[in-house]
């Protein structure tokens, strides 16, 4: 490991931050969790694992610089305040800018920012563009940064599909079946980010787009069939099912109308050999197709 000091993880009680923290602890790193409420059950569970807890909130920028005092590296990611359903991408960008400014002011030697695959390619997807603004701000500050750009989360499949209908698994997404979708397990985002934090030279160009698999809708359904031993099929939905979310419509339109994610799967596997493809990921989760 290059970094032997304390690594700060912002949002350590969340999905991505928690995966990064797990990977860092597995590598023997010293971790400082920057959390909104150190007294919460999730935060206290981290403390029981030997993690240092420090109160910090990107919506309260004054809390950030003291929380970063003396750390050797910082991981952070951003989401719209109030959750993705709020589509507050401007608020998301402001949070990222506050964290970047704090890292600069605190003199943090190395930052890893988890953005999104394609952020640099002018996607027009609001929650991609918001993350691109954070990337650009980090660049403007001259803060040594590695950008980790994940593809579609495999975990999204649990919330969007599949369903169980008349003894058949049905996978539905608003995506034409001929279009392959790159995807990544959150666990592997954590593994890549931890490597980037501890070994900055492992990301030679300062950015890496990451995915563990690339499958069409029918291939996803076939994977479910093989995993469960049940028949399965794919059904492409129209974008109109996302009428309540301009952001999600823009993302799935981008998936269908462009090259979309462009991760080099071999490069990712060279960095993290144990990265999960979809069959391997399914073996780690409890798949219960809804009725």
Protein backbone atom coordinates (compact mmCIF):
# COMPACT_ATOMS: atom_id res chain seq x y z
CA UNK A 1 0.00 0.00 0.00
CA UNK A 2 1.18 3.51 -0.79
CA UNK A 3 -0.96 5.23 1.86
CA UNK A 4 -0.28 4.08 5.42
CA UNK A 5 -2.07 6.95 7.17
CA UNK A 6 -5.75 7.47 7.87
CA UNK A 7 -8.21 7.31 4.97
CA UNK A 8 -11.38 9.40 5.27
CA UNK A 9 -14.61 7.99 3.84
CA UNK A 10 -17.55 10.35 3.43
CA UNK A 11 -20.94 8.66 3.62
CA UNK A 12 -19.50 5.56 5.24
CA UNK A 13 -22.91 4.40 6.51
CA UNK A 14 -24.33 4.37 2.98
CA UNK A 15 -24.18 1.80 0.21
CA UNK A 16 -21.09 2.93 -1.69
CA UNK A 17 -19.24 4.44 1.24
CA UNK A 18 -19.86 1.29 3.24
CA UNK A 19 -18.43 -0.85 0.44
CA UNK A 20 -15.33 1.33 0.30
CA UNK A 21 -14.92 1.14 4.07
CA UNK A 22 -15.27 -2.66 4.03
CA UNK A 23 -12.61 -2.96 1.32
CA UNK A 24 -10.24 -0.63 3.16
CA UNK A 25 -10.60 -2.52 6.45
CA UNK A 26 -10.01 -5.80 4.62
CA UNK A 27 -6.71 -4.33 3.40
CA UNK A 28 -5.72 -3.30 6.93
CA UNK A 29 -6.17 0.44 6.42
CA UNK A 30 -6.96 2.94 9.16
CA UNK A 31 -10.34 4.52 8.38
CA UNK A 32 -12.03 7.70 9.54
CA UNK A 33 -15.76 7.70 8.78
CA UNK A 34 -17.24 11.14 8.10
CA UNK A 35 -20.86 10.80 9.17
CA UNK A 36 -23.75 13.16 9.81
CA UNK A 37 -24.70 11.52 13.09
CA UNK A 38 -21.97 9.64 14.97
CA UNK A 39 -24.57 8.45 17.50
CA UNK A 40 -26.64 6.57 14.93
CA UNK A 41 -26.80 2.78 15.10
CA UNK A 42 -24.99 2.43 11.78
CA UNK A 43 -22.20 4.75 12.85
CA UNK A 44 -21.78 3.00 16.19
CA UNK A 45 -21.57 -0.34 14.37
CA UNK A 46 -18.60 1.09 12.47
CA UNK A 47 -16.98 2.25 15.70
CA UNK A 48 -17.21 -1.31 17.02
CA UNK A 49 -15.11 -2.37 14.01
CA UNK A 50 -12.35 0.04 14.98
CA UNK A 51 -13.38 2.90 12.69
CA UNK A 52 -12.82 6.47 13.86
CA UNK A 53 -16.03 8.52 13.75
CA UNK A 54 -16.08 12.24 12.96
CA UNK A 55 -19.16 14.40 12.43
CA UNK A 56 -19.25 15.99 8.98
CA UNK A 57 -22.02 17.09 6.63
CA UNK A 58 -21.59 18.47 3.11
CA UNK A 59 -24.66 20.64 3.72
CA UNK A 60 -22.68 22.25 6.56
CA UNK A 61 -19.35 23.08 4.86
CA UNK A 62 -17.81 24.44 8.06
CA UNK A 63 -17.82 20.89 9.45
CA UNK A 64 -15.73 19.46 6.63
CA UNK A 65 -12.24 20.96 6.95
CA UNK A 66 -11.74 20.00 10.62
CA UNK A 67 -13.02 16.50 9.83
CA UNK A 68 -10.28 16.09 7.21
CA UNK A 69 -7.42 17.22 9.40
CA UNK A 70 -4.43 14.91 9.04
CA UNK A 71 -5.95 12.37 6.64
CA UNK A 72 -3.85 10.93 3.82
CA UNK A 73 -6.73 10.42 1.39
CA UNK A 74 -10.46 11.06 1.02
CA UNK A 75 -13.21 9.08 -0.68
CA UNK A 76 -16.50 10.73 -1.44
CA UNK A 77 -19.50 10.39 -3.70
CA UNK A 78 -22.56 12.54 -4.18
CA UNK A 79 -26.31 12.02 -4.42
CA UNK A 80 -29.19 14.51 -4.70
CA UNK A 81 -30.14 15.85 -1.25
CA UNK A 82 -33.25 14.08 -0.07
CA UNK A 83 -32.65 11.06 -2.31
CA UNK A 84 -32.54 10.38 -6.04
CA UNK A 85 -36.30 10.82 -6.35
CA UNK A 86 -35.92 14.54 -5.61
CA UNK A 87 -33.77 14.95 -8.76
CA UNK A 88 -32.01 17.85 -7.00
CA UNK A 89 -28.93 17.64 -9.18
CA UNK A 90 -27.93 21.23 -8.42
CA UNK A 91 -27.89 20.41 -4.73
CA UNK A 92 -25.81 17.33 -5.48
CA UNK A 93 -23.22 19.41 -7.31
CA UNK A 94 -23.06 21.90 -4.47
CA UNK A 95 -22.36 19.10 -2.00
CA UNK A 96 -19.56 17.80 -4.18
CA UNK A 97 -18.05 21.26 -4.56
CA UNK A 98 -18.15 21.74 -0.78
CA UNK A 99 -16.27 18.47 -0.25
CA UNK A 100 -13.73 19.28 -2.96
CA UNK A 101 -13.12 22.75 -1.49
CA UNK A 102 -12.66 21.25 1.97
CA UNK A 103 -10.14 18.73 0.64
CA UNK A 104 -8.19 21.55 -0.96
CA UNK A 105 -8.29 23.70 2.17
CA UNK A 106 -7.30 20.79 4.43
CA UNK A 107 -4.42 19.86 2.14
CA UNK A 108 -5.63 16.31 1.56
CA UNK A 109 -2.89 14.64 -0.53
CA UNK A 110 -5.19 12.41 -2.59
CA UNK A 111 -8.93 12.28 -3.36
CA UNK A 112 -10.99 9.53 -4.93
CA UNK A 113 -14.37 10.67 -6.24
CA UNK A 114 -16.99 8.14 -7.29
CA UNK A 115 -18.75 9.71 -10.25
CA UNK A 116 -20.57 7.79 -13.02
CA UNK A 117 -19.64 6.09 -16.26
CA UNK A 118 -19.85 8.48 -19.19
CA UNK A 119 -19.83 11.64 -17.07
CA UNK A 120 -17.17 13.19 -19.30
CA UNK A 121 -19.09 12.45 -22.53
CA UNK A 122 -21.85 15.11 -22.33
CA UNK A 123 -24.65 12.62 -21.80
CA UNK A 124 -27.35 15.15 -21.04
CA UNK A 125 -28.48 12.93 -18.15
CA UNK A 126 -29.05 15.31 -15.22
CA UNK A 127 -27.51 13.15 -12.48
CA UNK A 128 -24.53 12.45 -14.74
CA UNK A 129 -23.99 16.10 -15.58
CA UNK A 130 -24.15 17.06 -11.90
CA UNK A 131 -21.31 14.67 -11.17
CA UNK A 132 -19.35 16.00 -14.14
CA UNK A 133 -19.52 19.49 -12.60
CA UNK A 134 -17.90 18.05 -9.46
CA UNK A 135 -15.19 16.38 -11.56
CA UNK A 136 -14.48 19.70 -13.29
CA UNK A 137 -14.30 21.54 -9.98
CA UNK A 138 -11.79 19.05 -8.58
CA UNK A 139 -9.71 19.54 -11.71
CA UNK A 140 -9.88 23.33 -11.39
CA UNK A 141 -8.61 23.13 -7.81
CA UNK A 142 -5.60 21.04 -8.76
CA UNK A 143 -6.41 18.49 -6.06
CA UNK A 144 -4.71 15.15 -6.88
CA UNK A 145 -7.74 13.07 -7.79
CA UNK A 146 -8.68 9.67 -9.14
CA UNK A 147 -12.13 9.40 -10.71
CA UNK A 148 -13.98 6.10 -10.38
CA UNK A 149 -16.87 5.99 -12.87
CA UNK A 150 -19.25 3.06 -12.22
CA UNK A 151 -21.70 1.67 -14.76
CA UNK A 152 -25.27 0.60 -13.91
CA UNK A 153 -25.47 -0.93 -10.43
CA UNK A 154 -26.41 -4.61 -10.37
CA UNK A 155 -28.32 -3.79 -7.17
CA UNK A 156 -30.72 -1.70 -9.28
CA UNK A 157 -32.05 -4.95 -10.73
CA UNK A 158 -33.45 -5.90 -7.34
CA UNK A 159 -35.63 -2.80 -7.24
CA UNK A 160 -36.67 -2.73 -10.91
CA UNK A 161 -37.08 -6.45 -11.67
CA UNK A 162 -37.68 -9.35 -11.83
CA UNK A 163 -41.23 -10.50 -11.14
CA UNK A 164 -42.66 -14.00 -10.90
CA UNK A 165 -45.69 -14.55 -13.13
CA UNK A 166 -47.35 -17.94 -13.63
CA UNK A 167 -44.20 -19.78 -12.69
CA UNK A 168 -41.99 -17.70 -14.99
CA UNK A 169 -39.47 -15.02 -14.08
CA UNK A 170 -40.03 -11.85 -16.09
CA UNK A 171 -37.28 -9.25 -16.30
CA UNK A 172 -38.50 -5.85 -17.44
CA UNK A 173 -36.47 -2.72 -18.16
CA UNK A 174 -37.15 0.34 -20.34
CA UNK A 175 -34.37 -0.78 -22.67
CA UNK A 176 -34.47 -2.44 -26.11
CA UNK A 177 -33.39 -6.07 -25.91
CA UNK A 178 -30.64 -5.65 -28.52
CA UNK A 179 -28.82 -3.10 -26.38
CA UNK A 180 -26.20 -4.53 -23.99
CA UNK A 181 -25.98 -2.90 -20.57
CA UNK A 182 -22.75 -2.72 -18.61
CA UNK A 183 -23.18 -3.21 -14.87
CA UNK A 184 -21.16 -3.37 -11.67
CA UNK A 185 -21.76 -4.66 -8.13
CA UNK A 186 -21.52 -2.05 -5.38
CA UNK A 187 -19.04 -4.30 -3.58
CA UNK A 188 -16.70 -3.95 -6.54
CA UNK A 189 -17.05 -0.18 -6.64
CA UNK A 190 -15.73 -0.31 -3.10
CA UNK A 191 -12.87 -2.60 -4.09
CA UNK A 192 -11.79 -0.36 -6.99
CA UNK A 193 -12.07 2.78 -4.89
CA UNK A 194 -10.06 1.25 -2.05
CA UNK A 195 -7.32 0.29 -4.50
CA UNK A 196 -7.33 3.81 -5.92
CA UNK A 197 -7.07 5.27 -2.40
CA UNK A 198 -4.22 3.06 -1.27
CA UNK A 199 -2.37 2.80 -4.58
CA UNK A 200 -2.90 6.04 -6.55
CA UNK A 201 -0.55 4.84 -9.25
CA UNK A 202 -2.98 2.01 -10.05
CA UNK A 203 -5.20 4.52 -11.90
CA UNK A 204 -2.56 5.79 -14.36
CA UNK A 205 -4.80 8.17 -16.30
CA UNK A 206 -6.54 9.48 -13.19
CA UNK A 207 -9.91 7.99 -14.17
CA UNK A 208 -11.39 4.57 -14.75
CA UNK A 209 -14.84 3.52 -15.93
CA UNK A 210 -15.80 0.28 -14.24
CA UNK A 211 -18.12 -2.64 -14.95
CA UNK A 212 -18.11 -6.34 -14.15
CA UNK A 213 -20.46 -7.58 -16.87
CA UNK A 214 -22.20 -6.55 -20.09
CA UNK A 215 -25.52 -8.22 -21.01
CA UNK A 216 -28.66 -7.65 -23.03
CA UNK A 217 -32.07 -7.97 -21.43
CA UNK A 218 -32.53 -11.53 -22.69
CA UNK A 219 -29.08 -12.44 -21.40
CA UNK A 220 -30.00 -11.02 -17.99
CA UNK A 221 -33.17 -13.11 -18.00
CA UNK A 222 -31.21 -16.21 -19.02
CA UNK A 223 -28.84 -15.60 -16.12
CA UNK A 224 -31.79 -15.49 -13.71
CA UNK A 225 -33.13 -18.70 -15.26
CA UNK A 226 -29.85 -20.52 -14.78
CA UNK A 227 -29.50 -19.21 -11.23
CA UNK A 228 -33.02 -20.16 -10.10
CA UNK A 229 -33.73 -23.16 -12.30
CA UNK A 230 -36.96 -21.46 -13.41
CA UNK A 231 -37.98 -20.32 -16.89
CA UNK A 232 -37.37 -16.62 -17.53
CA UNK A 233 -37.92 -14.08 -20.27
CA UNK A 234 -37.17 -10.43 -20.96
CA UNK A 235 -39.74 -7.77 -21.79
CA UNK A 236 -38.61 -4.35 -22.99
CA UNK A 237 -40.75 -1.53 -21.64
CA UNK A 238 -41.42 1.85 -23.28
CA UNK A 239 -39.77 4.94 -21.83
CA UNK A 240 -43.25 6.19 -20.93
CA UNK A 241 -43.16 4.00 -17.81
CA UNK A 242 -40.67 6.58 -16.51
CA UNK A 243 -42.92 9.59 -17.18
CA UNK A 244 -42.58 10.70 -13.57
CA UNK A 245 -38.79 11.04 -13.88
CA UNK A 246 -37.14 13.11 -16.59
CA UNK A 247 -33.76 12.07 -15.16
CA UNK A 248 -34.43 8.33 -15.51
CA UNK A 249 -35.95 8.81 -18.96
CA UNK A 250 -32.81 10.65 -20.06
CA UNK A 251 -30.60 7.90 -18.69
CA UNK A 252 -32.41 5.02 -20.39
CA UNK A 253 -32.65 6.99 -23.62
CA UNK A 254 -28.86 7.44 -23.41
CA UNK A 255 -28.46 3.71 -22.86
CA UNK A 256 -30.45 2.96 -26.02
CA UNK A 257 -29.26 5.72 -28.35
CA UNK A 258 -25.51 5.76 -27.79
CA UNK A 259 -22.52 3.60 -26.98
CA UNK A 260 -23.38 4.48 -23.38
CA UNK A 261 -21.05 2.88 -20.84
CA UNK A 262 -17.59 2.11 -22.19
CA UNK A 263 -15.78 0.29 -19.39
CA UNK A 264 -12.91 -1.99 -20.38
CA UNK A 265 -13.88 -5.14 -18.49
CA UNK A 266 -10.42 -6.65 -18.86
CA UNK A 267 -8.83 -3.51 -17.39
CA UNK A 268 -11.21 -3.61 -14.44
CA UNK A 269 -10.51 -7.29 -13.84
CA UNK A 270 -6.76 -6.64 -13.97
CA UNK A 271 -7.23 -4.05 -11.21
CA UNK A 272 -9.65 -6.16 -9.13
CA UNK A 273 -9.38 -9.81 -10.23
CA UNK A 274 -12.34 -10.90 -8.09
CA UNK A 275 -14.79 -8.44 -9.71
CA UNK A 276 -18.24 -10.04 -9.99
CA UNK A 277 -20.11 -10.79 -13.19
CA UNK A 278 -23.90 -11.09 -12.94
CA UNK A 279 -23.98 -14.85 -12.22
CA UNK A 280 -21.42 -14.44 -9.43
CA UNK A 281 -23.29 -11.45 -8.01
CA UNK A 282 -26.58 -13.37 -7.96
CA UNK A 283 -24.91 -16.00 -5.81
CA UNK A 284 -24.21 -13.30 -3.20
CA UNK A 285 -27.77 -11.99 -2.91
CA UNK A 286 -31.13 -13.48 -2.04
CA UNK A 287 -33.19 -13.38 -5.22
CA UNK A 288 -36.92 -13.34 -4.52
CA UNK A 289 -38.86 -12.44 -7.68
CA UNK A 290 -42.01 -10.56 -6.74
CA UNK A 291 -45.44 -11.89 -7.55
